[in-house]
Amino acid sequence: MKLSIHQPSYFPWIGLLDKIAKSDTFILLDDVQVVKGTYQYRNQFYCNGDAKILTLPIDYHLGVDFNKLEFKNNEWGAKHLDTLRNYYLKTPFSIEVYKDLELLYKEFENKPPIQVLDLSMRFCLRKLNINVDFLYSSRIGYQGKKGEMVLDLCTKTGATQYLAGRGSYDYMQDIVPSFKDHNIEIVWHKFAHPVYPQMGNKPFVEGLSVLDLFFFMGYSASSEIFMTNLNSQ
């Protein structure tokens, strides 16, 4: 059983979704501390050939966990919807995707940030036909931090492989022998970003939320592009 683990992400980018799709089970780290200024509660979207950041208005304070987060206000949803509509108004699938987002943002109403992040991730997984077991770290219970936490989550879920992100390479080195002792193989995630038509003749902008792919290519083609790219790596 191949396991991947990650913090929440607001309408995640294709790289994270690729990692999840290559797993049998995914654990959402809902009870770890939020890191200010990261893409855990914001993401990049396409605007006139550039990447623009859209951020959830969380009430951040040092040491707060995701499942304890609250919003600063309740008006953010309409603003985000309006921003996305303006960014992607001239894309080929703007009407279809925007209608779905209107329904999704209604689901967001009166929900805490962790549920909004969860719903945004599941929306993207569903549209790409990615089916994995989706678990919460807070419901499993674990010990340790960083590498020790990962190992404990692997053993408690019965993982035989752990799909690790490149960003964890340094802090995972000390715990590698313990993974071997538990007969758990560490597989390092490999990802090459697919290129697809965006707007006009401007250079391709990668690293954006997968919503960008949906708006420009539609759900069916997006799923085909995603899966073809996944299977080529």
C-alpha atoms as a PDB file:
ATOM      1  CA  MET A   1       0.000   0.000   0.000  1.00  0.00           C
ATOM      2  CA  LYS A   2       1.486   3.305  -1.108  1.00  0.00           C
ATOM      3  CA  LEU A   3       0.831   6.256   1.205  1.00  0.00           C
ATOM      4  CA  SER A   4       1.227   9.989   0.666  1.00  0.00           C
ATOM      5  CA  ILE A   5       0.840  12.711   3.269  1.00  0.00           C
ATOM      6  CA  HIS A   6       0.423  16.465   2.861  1.00  0.00           C
ATOM      7  CA  GLN A   7      -0.945  19.624   4.414  1.00  0.00           C
ATOM      8  CA  PRO A   8      -4.188  21.070   3.032  1.00  0.00           C
ATOM      9  CA  SER A   9      -4.072  23.222  -0.084  1.00  0.00           C
ATOM     10  CA  TYR A  10      -6.573  25.688  -1.538  1.00  0.00           C
ATOM     11  CA  PHE A  11      -7.484  24.312  -4.990  1.00  0.00           C
ATOM     12  CA  PRO A  12      -4.119  22.503  -5.224  1.00  0.00           C
ATOM     13  CA  TRP A  13      -1.664  22.620  -8.084  1.00  0.00           C
ATOM     14  CA  ILE A  14      -1.207  19.690 -10.443  1.00  0.00           C
ATOM     15  CA  GLY A  15       1.985  18.497  -8.747  1.00  0.00           C
ATOM     16  CA  LEU A  16       0.247  17.748  -5.450  1.00  0.00           C
ATOM     17  CA  LEU A  17      -2.662  16.070  -7.219  1.00  0.00           C
ATOM     18  CA  ASP A  18      -0.178  13.942  -9.179  1.00  0.00           C
ATOM     19  CA  LYS A  19       1.347  12.803  -5.880  1.00  0.00           C
ATOM     20  CA  ILE A  20      -2.063  11.929  -4.445  1.00  0.00           C
ATOM     21  CA  ALA A  21      -3.103  10.088  -7.625  1.00  0.00           C
ATOM     22  CA  LYS A  22       0.031   7.923  -7.424  1.00  0.00           C
ATOM     23  CA  SER A  23      -1.005   6.790  -3.922  1.00  0.00           C
ATOM     24  CA  ASP A  24      -3.452   4.229  -2.604  1.00  0.00           C
ATOM     25  CA  THR A  25      -4.106   6.250   0.541  1.00  0.00           C
ATOM     26  CA  PHE A  26      -3.712   9.957   1.225  1.00  0.00           C
ATOM     27  CA  ILE A  27      -3.492  11.508   4.694  1.00  0.00           C
ATOM     28  CA  LEU A  28      -4.472  15.141   5.087  1.00  0.00           C
ATOM     29  CA  LEU A  29      -2.466  16.741   7.882  1.00  0.00           C
ATOM     30  CA  ASP A  30      -5.299  18.635   9.525  1.00  0.00           C
ATOM     31  CA  ASP A  31      -3.774  18.926  13.008  1.00  0.00           C
ATOM     32  CA  VAL A  32      -0.341  20.379  12.265  1.00  0.00           C
ATOM     33  CA  GLN A  33       0.653  24.023  12.513  1.00  0.00           C
ATOM     34  CA  VAL A  34      -0.092  26.421   9.685  1.00  0.00           C
ATOM     35  CA  VAL A  35       2.977  28.015   8.132  1.00  0.00           C
ATOM     36  CA  LYS A  36       2.397  31.660   7.298  1.00  0.00           C
ATOM     37  CA  GLY A  37       2.858  32.689   3.674  1.00  0.00           C
ATOM     38  CA  THR A  38       2.718  29.185   2.208  1.00  0.00           C
ATOM     39  CA  TYR A  39       0.341  27.683  -0.352  1.00  0.00           C
ATOM     40  CA  GLN A  40      -1.509  25.828   2.383  1.00  0.00           C
ATOM     41  CA  TYR A  41      -4.285  28.432   2.401  1.00  0.00           C
ATOM     42  CA  ARG A  42      -3.765  30.242  -0.894  1.00  0.00           C
ATOM     43  CA  ASN A  43      -2.821  29.506  -4.485  1.00  0.00           C
ATOM     44  CA  GLN A  44      -1.818  30.991  -7.819  1.00  0.00           C
ATOM     45  CA  PHE A  45      -4.170  31.645 -10.706  1.00  0.00           C
ATOM     46  CA  TYR A  46      -3.738  32.909 -14.258  1.00  0.00           C
ATOM     47  CA  CYS A  47      -4.336  36.593 -14.993  1.00  0.00           C
ATOM     48  CA  ASN A  48      -3.298  38.137 -18.314  1.00  0.00           C
ATOM     49  CA  GLY A  49      -0.228  35.969 -18.646  1.00  0.00           C
ATOM     50  CA  ASP A  50       0.902  36.246 -15.047  1.00  0.00           C
ATOM     51  CA  ALA A  51       0.424  34.261 -11.849  1.00  0.00           C
ATOM     52  CA  LYS A  52      -1.737  36.027  -9.260  1.00  0.00           C
ATOM     53  CA  ILE A  53      -2.171  34.826  -5.684  1.00  0.00           C
ATOM     54  CA  LEU A  54      -5.604  34.393  -4.112  1.00  0.00           C
ATOM     55  CA  THR A  55      -5.486  33.976  -0.325  1.00  0.00           C
ATOM     56  CA  LEU A  56      -8.062  32.778   2.189  1.00  0.00           C
ATOM     57  CA  PRO A  57      -8.507  35.442   4.915  1.00  0.00           C
ATOM     58  CA  ILE A  58      -7.557  33.202   7.812  1.00  0.00           C
ATOM     59  CA  ASP A  59      -7.133  34.549  11.330  1.00  0.00           C
ATOM     60  CA  TYR A  60      -3.535  33.421  11.611  1.00  0.00           C
ATOM     61  CA  HIS A  61      -1.535  33.388  14.824  1.00  0.00           C
ATOM     62  CA  LEU A  62       1.697  31.598  15.616  1.00  0.00           C
ATOM     63  CA  GLY A  63       1.241  27.944  16.524  1.00  0.00           C
ATOM     64  CA  VAL A  64      -2.348  27.552  15.290  1.00  0.00           C
ATOM     65  CA  ASP A  65      -3.279  24.174  13.770  1.00  0.00           C
ATOM     66  CA  PHE A  66      -5.350  23.840  10.611  1.00  0.00           C
ATOM     67  CA  ASN A  67      -8.357  22.366  12.387  1.00  0.00           C
ATOM     68  CA  LYS A  68      -8.400  25.309  14.800  1.00  0.00           C
ATOM     69  CA  LEU A  69      -8.275  28.018  12.141  1.00  0.00           C
ATOM     70  CA  GLU A  70     -11.049  30.579  11.753  1.00  0.00           C
ATOM     71  CA  PHE A  71     -11.820  33.185   9.106  1.00  0.00           C
ATOM     72  CA  LYS A  72     -11.414  36.911   9.700  1.00  0.00           C
ATOM     73  CA  ASN A  73     -14.690  37.590   7.895  1.00  0.00           C
ATOM     74  CA  ASN A  74     -17.529  35.840   6.068  1.00  0.00           C
ATOM     75  CA  GLU A  75     -17.496  37.998   2.925  1.00  0.00           C
ATOM     76  CA  TRP A  76     -14.448  36.445   1.282  1.00  0.00           C
ATOM     77  CA  GLY A  77     -16.349  33.874  -0.819  1.00  0.00           C
ATOM     78  CA  ALA A  78     -18.096  36.366  -3.073  1.00  0.00           C
ATOM     79  CA  LYS A  79     -14.828  38.248  -3.582  1.00  0.00           C
ATOM     80  CA  HIS A  80     -12.949  35.097  -4.561  1.00  0.00           C
ATOM     81  CA  LEU A  81     -15.689  34.051  -6.969  1.00  0.00           C
ATOM     82  CA  ASP A  82     -15.672  37.479  -8.591  1.00  0.00           C
ATOM     83  CA  THR A  83     -11.890  37.424  -8.880  1.00  0.00           C
ATOM     84  CA  LEU A  84     -11.870  33.995 -10.531  1.00  0.00           C
ATOM     85  CA  ARG A  85     -14.638  35.048 -12.901  1.00  0.00           C
ATOM     86  CA  ASN A  86     -12.610  38.090 -13.987  1.00  0.00           C
ATOM     87  CA  TYR A  87      -9.380  36.107 -14.355  1.00  0.00           C
ATOM     88  CA  TYR A  88     -10.929  33.375 -16.499  1.00  0.00           C
ATOM     89  CA  LEU A  89     -13.806  35.170 -18.219  1.00  0.00           C
ATOM     90  CA  LYS A  90     -12.358  34.687 -21.716  1.00  0.00           C
ATOM     91  CA  THR A  91     -11.271  31.060 -21.317  1.00  0.00           C
ATOM     92  CA  PRO A  92     -12.974  28.328 -23.400  1.00  0.00           C
ATOM     93  CA  PHE A  93     -14.686  26.655 -20.429  1.00  0.00           C
ATOM     94  CA  SER A  94     -15.386  29.653 -18.218  1.00  0.00           C
ATOM     95  CA  ILE A  95     -19.165  29.153 -18.072  1.00  0.00           C
ATOM     96  CA  GLU A  96     -19.059  25.434 -17.228  1.00  0.00           C
ATOM     97  CA  VAL A  97     -16.385  25.702 -14.532  1.00  0.00           C
ATOM     98  CA  TYR A  98     -17.735  28.900 -13.031  1.00  0.00           C
ATOM     99  CA  LYS A  99     -21.176  27.354 -12.554  1.00  0.00           C
ATOM    100  CA  ASP A 100     -19.598  24.525 -10.571  1.00  0.00           C
ATOM    101  CA  LEU A 101     -17.594  26.984  -8.513  1.00  0.00           C
ATOM    102  CA  GLU A 102     -20.740  28.941  -7.658  1.00  0.00           C
ATOM    103  CA  LEU A 103     -22.244  25.769  -6.193  1.00  0.00           C
ATOM    104  CA  LEU A 104     -19.027  24.899  -4.400  1.00  0.00           C
ATOM    105  CA  TYR A 105     -18.717  28.329  -2.809  1.00  0.00           C
ATOM    106  CA  LYS A 106     -22.222  27.947  -1.462  1.00  0.00           C
ATOM    107  CA  GLU A 107     -20.950  24.807   0.290  1.00  0.00           C
ATOM    108  CA  PHE A 108     -18.090  26.883   1.695  1.00  0.00           C
ATOM    109  CA  GLU A 109     -20.484  29.234   3.485  1.00  0.00           C
ATOM    110  CA  ASN A 110     -20.284  29.201   7.300  1.00  0.00           C
ATOM    111  CA  LYS A 111     -17.631  26.486   7.280  1.00  0.00           C
ATOM    112  CA  PRO A 112     -14.223  26.808   8.975  1.00  0.00           C
ATOM    113  CA  PRO A 113     -11.064  27.006   6.851  1.00  0.00           C
ATOM    114  CA  ILE A 114     -10.124  23.336   7.241  1.00  0.00           C
ATOM    115  CA  GLN A 115     -13.456  22.258   5.739  1.00  0.00           C
ATOM    116  CA  VAL A 116     -13.131  24.770   2.912  1.00  0.00           C
ATOM    117  CA  LEU A 117      -9.655  23.473   2.122  1.00  0.00           C
ATOM    118  CA  ASP A 118     -10.912  19.893   2.266  1.00  0.00           C
ATOM    119  CA  LEU A 119     -13.836  20.611  -0.049  1.00  0.00           C
ATOM    120  CA  SER A 120     -11.636  22.452  -2.550  1.00  0.00           C
ATOM    121  CA  MET A 121      -9.230  19.507  -2.684  1.00  0.00           C
ATOM    122  CA  ARG A 122     -11.968  16.915  -3.065  1.00  0.00           C
ATOM    123  CA  PHE A 123     -13.564  18.968  -5.850  1.00  0.00           C
ATOM    124  CA  CYS A 124     -10.306  18.844  -7.829  1.00  0.00           C
ATOM    125  CA  LEU A 125      -9.791  15.139  -7.168  1.00  0.00           C
ATOM    126  CA  ARG A 126     -13.339  14.366  -8.261  1.00  0.00           C
ATOM    127  CA  LYS A 127     -13.052  16.306 -11.523  1.00  0.00           C
ATOM    128  CA  LEU A 128      -9.854  14.441 -12.404  1.00  0.00           C
ATOM    129  CA  ASN A 129     -11.394  11.068 -11.492  1.00  0.00           C
ATOM    130  CA  ILE A 130      -8.796  10.447  -8.773  1.00  0.00           C
ATOM    131  CA  ASN A 131     -10.033   7.853  -6.302  1.00  0.00           C
ATOM    132  CA  VAL A 132      -7.926   7.213  -3.200  1.00  0.00           C
ATOM    133  CA  ASP A 133      -8.647   6.578   0.471  1.00  0.00           C
ATOM    134  CA  PHE A 134      -8.737  10.036   2.060  1.00  0.00           C
ATOM    135  CA  LEU A 135      -7.839  10.125   5.760  1.00  0.00           C
ATOM    136  CA  TYR A 136      -7.275  12.765   8.443  1.00  0.00           C
ATOM    137  CA  SER A 137      -4.164  12.680  10.602  1.00  0.00           C
ATOM    138  CA  SER A 138      -6.155  13.871  13.627  1.00  0.00           C
ATOM    139  CA  ARG A 139      -8.357  10.785  13.457  1.00  0.00           C
ATOM    140  CA  ILE A 140      -5.428   8.379  13.307  1.00  0.00           C
ATOM    141  CA  GLY A 141      -3.361   9.610  16.199  1.00  0.00           C
ATOM    142  CA  TYR A 142       0.424   9.604  15.935  1.00  0.00           C
ATOM    143  CA  GLN A 143       3.629  10.467  17.720  1.00  0.00           C
ATOM    144  CA  GLY A 144       6.624  12.572  16.799  1.00  0.00           C
ATOM    145  CA  LYS A 145       7.280  15.304  14.264  1.00  0.00           C
ATOM    146  CA  LYS A 146       8.474  15.378  10.669  1.00  0.00           C
ATOM    147  CA  GLY A 147      10.150  12.052   9.823  1.00  0.00           C
ATOM    148  CA  GLU A 148       9.059  10.329  13.034  1.00  0.00           C
ATOM    149  CA  MET A 149       5.478  11.453  12.461  1.00  0.00           C
ATOM    150  CA  VAL A 150       5.551  10.159   8.887  1.00  0.00           C
ATOM    151  CA  LEU A 151       6.885   6.782   9.990  1.00  0.00           C
ATOM    152  CA  ASP A 152       4.255   6.443  12.704  1.00  0.00           C
ATOM    153  CA  LEU A 153       1.455   7.298  10.259  1.00  0.00           C
ATOM    154  CA  CYS A 154       2.850   4.753   7.797  1.00  0.00           C
ATOM    155  CA  THR A 155       2.941   1.961  10.367  1.00  0.00           C
ATOM    156  CA  LYS A 156      -0.528   2.752  11.708  1.00  0.00           C
ATOM    157  CA  THR A 157      -2.089   2.683   8.232  1.00  0.00           C
ATOM    158  CA  GLY A 158      -0.251  -0.446   7.097  1.00  0.00           C
ATOM    159  CA  ALA A 159       1.746   1.290   4.373  1.00  0.00           C
ATOM    160  CA  THR A 160       4.439  -0.678   2.570  1.00  0.00           C
ATOM    161  CA  GLN A 161       5.592   2.336   0.538  1.00  0.00           C
ATOM    162  CA  TYR A 162       5.748   6.022   1.394  1.00  0.00           C
ATOM    163  CA  LEU A 163       5.590   8.488  -1.503  1.00  0.00           C
ATOM    164  CA  ALA A 164       7.724  11.366  -0.279  1.00  0.00           C
ATOM    165  CA  GLY A 165       7.935  14.896  -1.626  1.00  0.00           C
ATOM    166  CA  ARG A 166      11.325  16.263  -2.637  1.00  0.00           C
ATOM    167  CA  GLY A 167      10.984  19.052  -0.095  1.00  0.00           C
ATOM    168  CA  SER A 168      11.230  16.535   2.742  1.00  0.00           C
ATOM    169  CA  TYR A 169      14.484  14.949   1.540  1.00  0.00           C
ATOM    170  CA  ASP A 170      16.792  16.560   4.105  1.00  0.00           C
ATOM    171  CA  TYR A 171      14.766  15.937   7.250  1.00  0.00           C
ATOM    172  CA  MET A 172      13.875  12.392   6.157  1.00  0.00           C
ATOM    173  CA  GLN A 173      17.497  11.217   5.978  1.00  0.00           C
ATOM    174  CA  ASP A 174      17.859  10.552   9.715  1.00  0.00           C
ATOM    175  CA  ILE A 175      14.755   8.359   9.768  1.00  0.00           C
ATOM    176  CA  VAL A 176      15.512   6.290   6.637  1.00  0.00           C
ATOM    177  CA  PRO A 177      17.039   3.370   8.611  1.00  0.00           C
ATOM    178  CA  SER A 178      13.876   3.131  10.727  1.00  0.00           C
ATOM    179  CA  PHE A 179      11.764   2.855   7.561  1.00  0.00           C
ATOM    180  CA  LYS A 180      13.941  -0.054   6.451  1.00  0.00           C
ATOM    181  CA  ASP A 181      13.534  -1.688   9.865  1.00  0.00           C
ATOM    182  CA  HIS A 182       9.746  -1.534   9.359  1.00  0.00           C
ATOM    183  CA  ASN A 183      10.004  -2.834   5.765  1.00  0.00           C
ATOM    184  CA  ILE A 184       8.593   0.401   4.385  1.00  0.00           C
ATOM    185  CA  GLU A 185      10.101   1.633   1.123  1.00  0.00           C
ATOM    186  CA  ILE A 186      10.539   5.368   0.579  1.00  0.00           C
ATOM    187  CA  VAL A 187       9.694   6.375  -3.004  1.00  0.00           C
ATOM    188  CA  TRP A 188      10.613   9.915  -4.024  1.00  0.00           C
ATOM    189  CA  HIS A 189       7.920  11.681  -5.991  1.00  0.00           C
ATOM    190  CA  LYS A 190       8.829  12.567  -9.578  1.00  0.00           C
ATOM    191  CA  PHE A 191       6.797  15.112 -11.473  1.00  0.00           C
ATOM    192  CA  ALA A 192       7.076  16.944 -14.785  1.00  0.00           C
ATOM    193  CA  HIS A 193       4.507  19.692 -15.343  1.00  0.00           C
ATOM    194  CA  PRO A 194       2.237  19.179 -18.369  1.00  0.00           C
ATOM    195  CA  VAL A 195       1.994  22.046 -20.835  1.00  0.00           C
ATOM    196  CA  TYR A 196      -1.382  23.019 -22.284  1.00  0.00           C
ATOM    197  CA  PRO A 197      -2.746  26.031 -24.194  1.00  0.00           C
ATOM    198  CA  GLN A 198      -3.401  29.096 -22.093  1.00  0.00           C
ATOM    199  CA  MET A 199      -4.024  32.555 -23.526  1.00  0.00           C
ATOM    200  CA  GLY A 200      -2.661  33.750 -26.872  1.00  0.00           C
ATOM    201  CA  ASN A 201       1.050  33.509 -27.586  1.00  0.00           C
ATOM    202  CA  LYS A 202       2.233  34.306 -24.083  1.00  0.00           C
ATOM    203  CA  PRO A 203       4.712  31.961 -22.352  1.00  0.00           C
ATOM    204  CA  PHE A 204       3.147  29.074 -20.451  1.00  0.00           C
ATOM    205  CA  VAL A 205       2.703  29.751 -16.732  1.00  0.00           C
ATOM    206  CA  GLU A 206       3.149  26.608 -14.650  1.00  0.00           C
ATOM    207  CA  GLY A 207       2.601  25.896 -10.960  1.00  0.00           C
ATOM    208  CA  LEU A 208      -0.925  27.295 -10.900  1.00  0.00           C
ATOM    209  CA  SER A 209      -3.994  25.821  -9.264  1.00  0.00           C
ATOM    210  CA  VAL A 210      -5.513  22.987 -11.277  1.00  0.00           C
ATOM    211  CA  LEU A 211      -8.520  25.261 -11.798  1.00  0.00           C
ATOM    212  CA  ASP A 212      -6.409  26.872 -14.505  1.00  0.00           C
ATOM    213  CA  LEU A 213      -6.331  23.582 -16.398  1.00  0.00           C
ATOM    214  CA  PHE A 214     -10.090  23.194 -15.965  1.00  0.00           C
ATOM    215  CA  PHE A 215     -10.870  26.677 -17.284  1.00  0.00           C
ATOM    216  CA  PHE A 216      -8.646  26.373 -20.344  1.00  0.00           C
ATOM    217  CA  MET A 217      -9.208  22.720 -21.247  1.00  0.00           C
ATOM    218  CA  GLY A 218     -12.493  21.582 -19.669  1.00  0.00           C
ATOM    219  CA  TYR A 219     -12.928  18.615 -17.346  1.00  0.00           C
ATOM    220  CA  SER A 220     -12.717  15.787 -19.857  1.00  0.00           C
ATOM    221  CA  ALA A 221      -9.537  16.990 -21.565  1.00  0.00           C
ATOM    222  CA  SER A 222      -8.067  17.976 -18.182  1.00  0.00           C
ATOM    223  CA  SER A 223      -8.495  14.449 -16.884  1.00  0.00           C
ATOM    224  CA  GLU A 224      -6.957  13.018 -20.054  1.00  0.00           C
ATOM    225  CA  ILE A 225      -3.982  15.415 -19.893  1.00  0.00           C
ATOM    226  CA  PHE A 226      -3.497  14.709 -16.198  1.00  0.00           C
ATOM    227  CA  MET A 227      -3.631  10.933 -16.514  1.00  0.00           C
ATOM    228  CA  THR A 228      -1.411  10.847 -19.604  1.00  0.00           C
ATOM    229  CA  ASN A 229       1.153  12.967 -17.798  1.00  0.00           C
ATOM    230  CA  LEU A 230       0.895  10.813 -14.670  1.00  0.00           C
ATOM    231  CA  ASN A 231       1.408   7.565 -16.570  1.00  0.00           C
ATOM    232  CA  SER A 232       4.403   8.935 -18.472  1.00  0.00           C
ATOM    233  CA  GLN A 233       6.473   9.414 -15.301  1.00  0.00           C
END
